[in-house]
Amino acid sequence: MGIIYGTVGVIALMLGGLLGGYVVYKKGLKLWLWPMVLIMHLPDLIFVYLSQALPQSLWFVGSAVALEQFGYGFGLRLTLCI
C-alpha cells in the first residue's frame, strides 16, 4: 500500500493537478466548475464499492487509488481557483 499511495498516488495526483490547471486555463472555470466537482467526488463511489466487495487484486485496488488521487488533483485545482 505504501508503493501504491506513495508512488502511483503521487504521480496521479500531479497529473490530475496539471490537467486541471490546463483545462481551466484553456476553457475557463465557468465551463469546468461542475465537471471538476463530479470528477473530484466520483472516486468516493469507487471506495464504497471497494469496502463492500473487498477485492484481493492489487492491480484493482491500485487503479482505484490512482483514480481517486487523479480526481482529487484535478478537482483541487478548482479550490485553488476560487
PDB file of N, CA and C in Angstrom:
ATOM      1  N   MET A   1       0.827  -1.189   0.000  1.00  0.00           N
ATOM      2  CA  MET A   1       0.000   0.000   0.000  1.00  0.00           C
ATOM      3  C   MET A   1       0.869   1.250   0.000  1.00  0.00           C
ATOM      4  N   GLY A   2       2.039   1.162   0.589  1.00  0.00           N
ATOM      5  CA  GLY A   2       2.935   2.318   0.581  1.00  0.00           C
ATOM      6  C   GLY A   2       3.384   2.686  -0.818  1.00  0.00           C
ATOM      7  N   ILE A   3       3.688   1.675  -1.629  1.00  0.00           N
ATOM      8  CA  ILE A   3       4.093   1.938  -3.010  1.00  0.00           C
ATOM      9  C   ILE A   3       2.908   2.485  -3.811  1.00  0.00           C
ATOM     10  N   ILE A   4       1.729   1.955  -3.554  1.00  0.00           N
ATOM     11  CA  ILE A   4       0.555   2.422  -4.293  1.00  0.00           C
ATOM     12  C   ILE A   4       0.276   3.884  -3.976  1.00  0.00           C
ATOM     13  N   TYR A   5       0.207   4.228  -2.703  1.00  0.00           N
ATOM     14  CA  TYR A   5      -0.084   5.615  -2.343  1.00  0.00           C
ATOM     15  C   TYR A   5       1.119   6.528  -2.561  1.00  0.00           C
ATOM     16  N   GLY A   6       2.307   6.029  -2.265  1.00  0.00           N
ATOM     17  CA  GLY A   6       3.494   6.875  -2.331  1.00  0.00           C
ATOM     18  C   GLY A   6       4.021   7.118  -3.724  1.00  0.00           C
ATOM     19  N   THR A   7       3.812   6.191  -4.627  1.00  0.00           N
ATOM     20  CA  THR A   7       4.333   6.349  -5.984  1.00  0.00           C
ATOM     21  C   THR A   7       3.211   6.577  -6.980  1.00  0.00           C
ATOM     22  N   VAL A   8       2.340   5.606  -7.111  1.00  0.00           N
ATOM     23  CA  VAL A   8       1.248   5.706  -8.081  1.00  0.00           C
ATOM     24  C   VAL A   8       0.317   6.857  -7.709  1.00  0.00           C
ATOM     25  N   GLY A   9       0.005   6.976  -6.429  1.00  0.00           N
ATOM     26  CA  GLY A   9      -0.898   8.039  -5.984  1.00  0.00           C
ATOM     27  C   GLY A   9      -0.337   9.424  -6.205  1.00  0.00           C
ATOM     28  N   VAL A  10       0.932   9.612  -5.906  1.00  0.00           N
ATOM     29  CA  VAL A  10       1.544  10.933  -6.084  1.00  0.00           C
ATOM     30  C   VAL A  10       1.635  11.295  -7.563  1.00  0.00           C
ATOM     31  N   ILE A  11       1.982  10.335  -8.400  1.00  0.00           N
ATOM     32  CA  ILE A  11       2.047  10.601  -9.843  1.00  0.00           C
ATOM     33  C   ILE A  11       0.660  10.964 -10.375  1.00  0.00           C
ATOM     34  N   ALA A  12      -0.359  10.215  -9.978  1.00  0.00           N
ATOM     35  CA  ALA A  12      -1.726  10.508 -10.428  1.00  0.00           C
ATOM     36  C   ALA A  12      -2.197  11.862  -9.903  1.00  0.00           C
ATOM     37  N   LEU A  13      -1.837  12.204  -8.670  1.00  0.00           N
ATOM     38  CA  LEU A  13      -2.203  13.499  -8.096  1.00  0.00           C
ATOM     39  C   LEU A  13      -1.577  14.640  -8.884  1.00  0.00           C
ATOM     40  N   MET A  14      -0.304  14.504  -9.228  1.00  0.00           N
ATOM     41  CA  MET A  14       0.368  15.545 -10.008  1.00  0.00           C
ATOM     42  C   MET A  14      -0.229  15.669 -11.401  1.00  0.00           C
ATOM     43  N   LEU A  15      -0.489  14.551 -12.049  1.00  0.00           N
ATOM     44  CA  LEU A  15      -1.086  14.597 -13.384  1.00  0.00           C
ATOM     45  C   LEU A  15      -2.481  15.222 -13.355  1.00  0.00           C
ATOM     46  N   GLY A  16      -3.254  14.875 -12.352  1.00  0.00           N
ATOM     47  CA  GLY A  16      -4.587  15.466 -12.215  1.00  0.00           C
ATOM     48  C   GLY A  16      -4.522  16.963 -11.974  1.00  0.00           C
ATOM     49  N   GLY A  17      -3.592  17.400 -11.133  1.00  0.00           N
ATOM     50  CA  GLY A  17      -3.438  18.832 -10.884  1.00  0.00           C
ATOM     51  C   GLY A  17      -2.990  19.590 -12.114  1.00  0.00           C
ATOM     52  N   LEU A  18      -2.057  19.003 -12.859  1.00  0.00           N
ATOM     53  CA  LEU A  18      -1.591  19.650 -14.084  1.00  0.00           C
ATOM     54  C   LEU A  18      -2.698  19.729 -15.128  1.00  0.00           C
ATOM     55  N   LEU A  19      -3.432  18.634 -15.302  1.00  0.00           N
ATOM     56  CA  LEU A  19      -4.510  18.626 -16.280  1.00  0.00           C
ATOM     57  C   LEU A  19      -5.640  19.564 -15.860  1.00  0.00           C
ATOM     58  N   GLY A  20      -5.946  19.590 -14.564  1.00  0.00           N
ATOM     59  CA  GLY A  20      -6.980  20.501 -14.070  1.00  0.00           C
ATOM     60  C   GLY A  20      -6.611  21.958 -14.309  1.00  0.00           C
ATOM     61  N   GLY A  21      -5.365  22.299 -14.056  1.00  0.00           N
ATOM     62  CA  GLY A  21      -4.909  23.662 -14.322  1.00  0.00           C
ATOM     63  C   GLY A  21      -4.953  24.003 -15.795  1.00  0.00           C
ATOM     64  N   TYR A  22      -4.620  23.033 -16.629  1.00  0.00           N
ATOM     65  CA  TYR A  22      -4.605  23.256 -18.067  1.00  0.00           C
ATOM     66  C   TYR A  22      -6.010  23.518 -18.616  1.00  0.00           C
ATOM     67  N   VAL A  23      -6.979  22.697 -18.196  1.00  0.00           N
ATOM     68  CA  VAL A  23      -8.327  22.875 -18.737  1.00  0.00           C
ATOM     69  C   VAL A  23      -8.967  24.168 -18.237  1.00  0.00           C
ATOM     70  N   VAL A  24      -8.658  24.576 -17.006  1.00  0.00           N
ATOM     71  CA  VAL A  24      -9.176  25.852 -16.508  1.00  0.00           C
ATOM     72  C   VAL A  24      -8.535  27.004 -17.270  1.00  0.00           C
ATOM     73  N   TYR A  25      -7.251  26.876 -17.556  1.00  0.00           N
ATOM     74  CA  TYR A  25      -6.551  27.907 -18.311  1.00  0.00           C
ATOM     75  C   TYR A  25      -7.103  28.022 -19.729  1.00  0.00           C
ATOM     76  N   LYS A  26      -7.394  26.899 -20.366  1.00  0.00           N
ATOM     77  CA  LYS A  26      -7.841  26.907 -21.757  1.00  0.00           C
ATOM     78  C   LYS A  26      -9.307  27.326 -21.905  1.00  0.00           C
ATOM     79  N   LYS A  27     -10.186  26.756 -21.104  1.00  0.00           N
ATOM     80  CA  LYS A  27     -11.626  26.963 -21.307  1.00  0.00           C
ATOM     81  C   LYS A  27     -12.288  27.806 -20.221  1.00  0.00           C
ATOM     82  N   GLY A  28     -11.623  28.036 -19.117  1.00  0.00           N
ATOM     83  CA  GLY A  28     -12.188  28.854 -18.051  1.00  0.00           C
ATOM     84  C   GLY A  28     -12.879  28.034 -16.980  1.00  0.00           C
ATOM     85  N   LEU A  29     -12.951  28.626 -15.810  1.00  0.00           N
ATOM     86  CA  LEU A  29     -13.528  27.944 -14.648  1.00  0.00           C
ATOM     87  C   LEU A  29     -15.040  27.795 -14.779  1.00  0.00           C
ATOM     88  N   LYS A  30     -15.679  28.744 -15.440  1.00  0.00           N
ATOM     89  CA  LYS A  30     -17.135  28.683 -15.577  1.00  0.00           C
ATOM     90  C   LYS A  30     -17.584  27.399 -16.278  1.00  0.00           C
ATOM     91  N   LEU A  31     -16.879  27.011 -17.303  1.00  0.00           N
ATOM     92  CA  LEU A  31     -17.219  25.792 -18.033  1.00  0.00           C
ATOM     93  C   LEU A  31     -16.881  24.535 -17.236  1.00  0.00           C
ATOM     94  N   TRP A  32     -15.792  24.547 -16.497  1.00  0.00           N
ATOM     95  CA  TRP A  32     -15.284  23.340 -15.845  1.00  0.00           C
ATOM     96  C   TRP A  32     -15.680  23.190 -14.380  1.00  0.00           C
ATOM     97  N   LEU A  33     -16.468  24.103 -13.843  1.00  0.00           N
ATOM     98  CA  LEU A  33     -16.810  24.051 -12.420  1.00  0.00           C
ATOM     99  C   LEU A  33     -17.480  22.739 -12.031  1.00  0.00           C
ATOM    100  N   TRP A  34     -18.614  22.420 -12.650  1.00  0.00           N
ATOM    101  CA  TRP A  34     -19.347  21.216 -12.260  1.00  0.00           C
ATOM    102  C   TRP A  34     -18.667  19.925 -12.698  1.00  0.00           C
ATOM    103  N   PRO A  35     -18.067  19.870 -13.889  1.00  0.00           N
ATOM    104  CA  PRO A  35     -17.315  18.646 -14.201  1.00  0.00           C
ATOM    105  C   PRO A  35     -16.181  18.377 -13.214  1.00  0.00           C
ATOM    106  N   MET A  36     -15.519  19.434 -12.747  1.00  0.00           N
ATOM    107  CA  MET A  36     -14.435  19.244 -11.777  1.00  0.00           C
ATOM    108  C   MET A  36     -14.979  18.749 -10.437  1.00  0.00           C
ATOM    109  N   VAL A  37     -16.130  19.269 -10.044  1.00  0.00           N
ATOM    110  CA  VAL A  37     -16.750  18.802  -8.799  1.00  0.00           C
ATOM    111  C   VAL A  37     -17.085  17.314  -8.900  1.00  0.00           C
ATOM    112  N   LEU A  38     -17.663  16.911 -10.023  1.00  0.00           N
ATOM    113  CA  LEU A  38     -18.009  15.496 -10.215  1.00  0.00           C
ATOM    114  C   LEU A  38     -16.769  14.612 -10.280  1.00  0.00           C
ATOM    115  N   ILE A  39     -15.751  15.066 -10.988  1.00  0.00           N
ATOM    116  CA  ILE A  39     -14.525  14.278 -11.100  1.00  0.00           C
ATOM    117  C   ILE A  39     -13.842  14.142  -9.752  1.00  0.00           C
ATOM    118  N   MET A  40     -13.957  15.167  -8.920  1.00  0.00           N
ATOM    119  CA  MET A  40     -13.327  15.114  -7.605  1.00  0.00           C
ATOM    120  C   MET A  40     -14.056  14.155  -6.657  1.00  0.00           C
ATOM    121  N   HIS A  41     -15.377  14.043  -6.796  1.00  0.00           N
ATOM    122  CA  HIS A  41     -16.151  13.239  -5.851  1.00  0.00           C
ATOM    123  C   HIS A  41     -16.567  11.871  -6.376  1.00  0.00           C
ATOM    124  N   LEU A  42     -16.383  11.595  -7.647  1.00  0.00           N
ATOM    125  CA  LEU A  42     -16.710  10.282  -8.198  1.00  0.00           C
ATOM    126  C   LEU A  42     -15.917   9.141  -7.559  1.00  0.00           C
ATOM    127  N   PRO A  43     -14.639   9.320  -7.252  1.00  0.00           N
ATOM    128  CA  PRO A  43     -13.899   8.217  -6.624  1.00  0.00           C
ATOM    129  C   PRO A  43     -14.449   7.773  -5.271  1.00  0.00           C
ATOM    130  N   ASP A  44     -15.251   8.609  -4.619  1.00  0.00           N
ATOM    131  CA  ASP A  44     -15.869   8.182  -3.363  1.00  0.00           C
ATOM    132  C   ASP A  44     -16.743   6.956  -3.580  1.00  0.00           C
ATOM    133  N   LEU A  45     -17.440   6.914  -4.703  1.00  0.00           N
ATOM    134  CA  LEU A  45     -18.280   5.750  -5.019  1.00  0.00           C
ATOM    135  C   LEU A  45     -17.442   4.501  -5.241  1.00  0.00           C
ATOM    136  N   ILE A  46     -16.264   4.681  -5.807  1.00  0.00           N
ATOM    137  CA  ILE A  46     -15.362   3.547  -6.016  1.00  0.00           C
ATOM    138  C   ILE A  46     -14.920   2.970  -4.678  1.00  0.00           C
ATOM    139  N   PHE A  47     -14.625   3.826  -3.720  1.00  0.00           N
ATOM    140  CA  PHE A  47     -14.204   3.332  -2.421  1.00  0.00           C
ATOM    141  C   PHE A  47     -15.349   2.703  -1.645  1.00  0.00           C
ATOM    142  N   VAL A  48     -16.574   3.153  -1.865  1.00  0.00           N
ATOM    143  CA  VAL A  48     -17.732   2.474  -1.270  1.00  0.00           C
ATOM    144  C   VAL A  48     -17.837   1.065  -1.837  1.00  0.00           C
ATOM    145  N   TYR A  49     -17.644   0.936  -3.153  1.00  0.00           N
ATOM    146  CA  TYR A  49     -17.653  -0.389  -3.768  1.00  0.00           C
ATOM    147  C   TYR A  49     -16.533  -1.261  -3.210  1.00  0.00           C
ATOM    148  N   LEU A  50     -15.332  -0.704  -3.107  1.00  0.00           N
ATOM    149  CA  LEU A  50     -14.204  -1.487  -2.575  1.00  0.00           C
ATOM    150  C   LEU A  50     -14.478  -1.955  -1.146  1.00  0.00           C
ATOM    151  N   SER A  51     -15.138  -1.125  -0.348  1.00  0.00           N
ATOM    152  CA  SER A  51     -15.413  -1.524   1.036  1.00  0.00           C
ATOM    153  C   SER A  51     -16.418  -2.675   1.099  1.00  0.00           C
ATOM    154  N   GLN A  52     -17.286  -2.771   0.107  1.00  0.00           N
ATOM    155  CA  GLN A  52     -18.272  -3.847   0.098  1.00  0.00           C
ATOM    156  C   GLN A  52     -17.745  -5.108  -0.577  1.00  0.00           C
ATOM    157  N   ALA A  53     -16.981  -4.957  -1.659  1.00  0.00           N
ATOM    158  CA  ALA A  53     -16.521  -6.107  -2.442  1.00  0.00           C
ATOM    159  C   ALA A  53     -15.253  -6.741  -1.870  1.00  0.00           C
ATOM    160  N   LEU A  54     -14.435  -5.959  -1.191  1.00  0.00           N
ATOM    161  CA  LEU A  54     -13.154  -6.417  -0.627  1.00  0.00           C
ATOM    162  C   LEU A  54     -12.317  -7.185  -1.664  1.00  0.00           C
ATOM    163  N   PRO A  55     -11.957  -6.541  -2.767  1.00  0.00           N
ATOM    164  CA  PRO A  55     -11.195  -7.233  -3.812  1.00  0.00           C
ATOM    165  C   PRO A  55      -9.799  -7.603  -3.331  1.00  0.00           C
ATOM    166  N   GLN A  56      -9.272  -8.680  -3.859  1.00  0.00           N
ATOM    167  CA  GLN A  56      -7.943  -9.144  -3.493  1.00  0.00           C
ATOM    168  C   GLN A  56      -6.888  -8.725  -4.514  1.00  0.00           C
ATOM    169  N   SER A  57      -7.319  -8.224  -5.647  1.00  0.00           N
ATOM    170  CA  SER A  57      -6.407  -7.848  -6.714  1.00  0.00           C
ATOM    171  C   SER A  57      -5.700  -6.536  -6.378  1.00  0.00           C
ATOM    172  N   LEU A  58      -4.390  -6.597  -6.305  1.00  0.00           N
ATOM    173  CA  LEU A  58      -3.604  -5.400  -6.021  1.00  0.00           C
ATOM    174  C   LEU A  58      -3.702  -4.407  -7.172  1.00  0.00           C
ATOM    175  N   TRP A  59      -3.828  -4.906  -8.394  1.00  0.00           N
ATOM    176  CA  TRP A  59      -3.975  -4.022  -9.553  1.00  0.00           C
ATOM    177  C   TRP A  59      -5.285  -3.248  -9.490  1.00  0.00           C
ATOM    178  N   PHE A  60      -6.333  -3.899  -9.077  1.00  0.00           N
ATOM    179  CA  PHE A  60      -7.641  -3.236  -8.989  1.00  0.00           C
ATOM    180  C   PHE A  60      -7.635  -2.164  -7.905  1.00  0.00           C
ATOM    181  N   VAL A  61      -7.086  -2.498  -6.767  1.00  0.00           N
ATOM    182  CA  VAL A  61      -7.007  -1.533  -5.673  1.00  0.00           C
ATOM    183  C   VAL A  61      -6.082  -0.375  -6.058  1.00  0.00           C
ATOM    184  N   GLY A  62      -4.965  -0.685  -6.702  1.00  0.00           N
ATOM    185  CA  GLY A  62      -4.041   0.361  -7.152  1.00  0.00           C
ATOM    186  C   GLY A  62      -4.669   1.283  -8.173  1.00  0.00           C
ATOM    187  N   SER A  63      -5.471   0.712  -9.071  1.00  0.00           N
ATOM    188  CA  SER A  63      -6.171   1.539 -10.062  1.00  0.00           C
ATOM    189  C   SER A  63      -7.197   2.448  -9.394  1.00  0.00           C
ATOM    190  N   ALA A  64      -7.878   1.930  -8.387  1.00  0.00           N
ATOM    191  CA  ALA A  64      -8.858   2.745  -7.667  1.00  0.00           C
ATOM    192  C   ALA A  64      -8.170   3.897  -6.931  1.00  0.00           C
ATOM    193  N   VAL A  65      -7.025   3.623  -6.318  1.00  0.00           N
ATOM    194  CA  VAL A  65      -6.274   4.670  -5.631  1.00  0.00           C
ATOM    195  C   VAL A  65      -5.759   5.701  -6.629  1.00  0.00           C
ATOM    196  N   ALA A  66      -5.272   5.246  -7.775  1.00  0.00           N
ATOM    197  CA  ALA A  66      -4.780   6.176  -8.800  1.00  0.00           C
ATOM    198  C   ALA A  66      -5.917   7.056  -9.305  1.00  0.00           C
ATOM    199  N   LEU A  67      -7.083   6.481  -9.534  1.00  0.00           N
ATOM    200  CA  LEU A  67      -8.226   7.259  -9.987  1.00  0.00           C
ATOM    201  C   LEU A  67      -8.655   8.262  -8.925  1.00  0.00           C
ATOM    202  N   GLU A  68      -8.635   7.842  -7.668  1.00  0.00           N
ATOM    203  CA  GLU A  68      -9.004   8.748  -6.579  1.00  0.00           C
ATOM    204  C   GLU A  68      -8.036   9.920  -6.492  1.00  0.00           C
ATOM    205  N   GLN A  69      -6.759   9.644  -6.556  1.00  0.00           N
ATOM    206  CA  GLN A  69      -5.761  10.702  -6.462  1.00  0.00           C
ATOM    207  C   GLN A  69      -5.811  11.622  -7.680  1.00  0.00           C
ATOM    208  N   PHE A  70      -6.024  11.060  -8.861  1.00  0.00           N
ATOM    209  CA  PHE A  70      -6.154  11.880 -10.061  1.00  0.00           C
ATOM    210  C   PHE A  70      -7.356  12.816  -9.935  1.00  0.00           C
ATOM    211  N   GLY A  71      -8.487  12.277  -9.520  1.00  0.00           N
ATOM    212  CA  GLY A  71      -9.687  13.097  -9.350  1.00  0.00           C
ATOM    213  C   GLY A  71      -9.495  14.176  -8.313  1.00  0.00           C
ATOM    214  N   TYR A  72      -8.825  13.852  -7.219  1.00  0.00           N
ATOM    215  CA  TYR A  72      -8.573  14.848  -6.190  1.00  0.00           C
ATOM    216  C   TYR A  72      -7.643  15.939  -6.715  1.00  0.00           C
ATOM    217  N   GLY A  73      -6.611  15.555  -7.437  1.00  0.00           N
ATOM    218  CA  GLY A  73      -5.700  16.539  -8.006  1.00  0.00           C
ATOM    219  C   GLY A  73      -6.386  17.418  -9.038  1.00  0.00           C
ATOM    220  N   PHE A  74      -7.232  16.824  -9.858  1.00  0.00           N
ATOM    221  CA  PHE A  74      -7.974  17.570 -10.871  1.00  0.00           C
ATOM    222  C   PHE A  74      -8.930  18.559 -10.215  1.00  0.00           C
ATOM    223  N   GLY A  75      -9.647  18.108  -9.207  1.00  0.00           N
ATOM    224  CA  GLY A  75     -10.596  18.981  -8.513  1.00  0.00           C
ATOM    225  C   GLY A  75      -9.936  19.960  -7.567  1.00  0.00           C
ATOM    226  N   LEU A  76      -8.742  19.652  -7.100  1.00  0.00           N
ATOM    227  CA  LEU A  76      -8.034  20.555  -6.201  1.00  0.00           C
ATOM    228  C   LEU A  76      -7.726  21.861  -6.915  1.00  0.00           C
ATOM    229  N   ARG A  77      -7.495  21.784  -8.204  1.00  0.00           N
ATOM    230  CA  ARG A  77      -7.260  22.995  -8.983  1.00  0.00           C
ATOM    231  C   ARG A  77      -8.466  23.905  -8.884  1.00  0.00           C
ATOM    232  N   LEU A  78      -9.660  23.317  -8.771  1.00  0.00           N
ATOM    233  CA  LEU A  78     -10.887  24.094  -8.630  1.00  0.00           C
ATOM    234  C   LEU A  78     -10.848  24.915  -7.351  1.00  0.00           C
ATOM    235  N   THR A  79     -10.458  24.310  -6.250  1.00  0.00           N
ATOM    236  CA  THR A  79     -10.452  25.034  -4.988  1.00  0.00           C
ATOM    237  C   THR A  79      -9.352  26.096  -4.961  1.00  0.00           C
ATOM    238  N   LEU A  80      -8.295  25.896  -5.700  1.00  0.00           N
ATOM    239  CA  LEU A  80      -7.244  26.904  -5.747  1.00  0.00           C
ATOM    240  C   LEU A  80      -7.635  28.084  -6.626  1.00  0.00           C
ATOM    241  N   CYS A  81      -8.572  27.874  -7.549  1.00  0.00           N
ATOM    242  CA  CYS A  81      -9.005  28.954  -8.448  1.00  0.00           C
ATOM    243  C   CYS A  81     -10.069  29.838  -7.807  1.00  0.00           C
ATOM    244  N   ILE A  82     -10.799  29.290  -6.865  1.00  0.00           N
ATOM    245  CA  ILE A  82     -11.897  30.072  -6.258  1.00  0.00           C
ATOM    246  C   ILE A  82     -11.367  31.029  -5.232  1.00  0.00           C
TER     247      ILE A  82
END
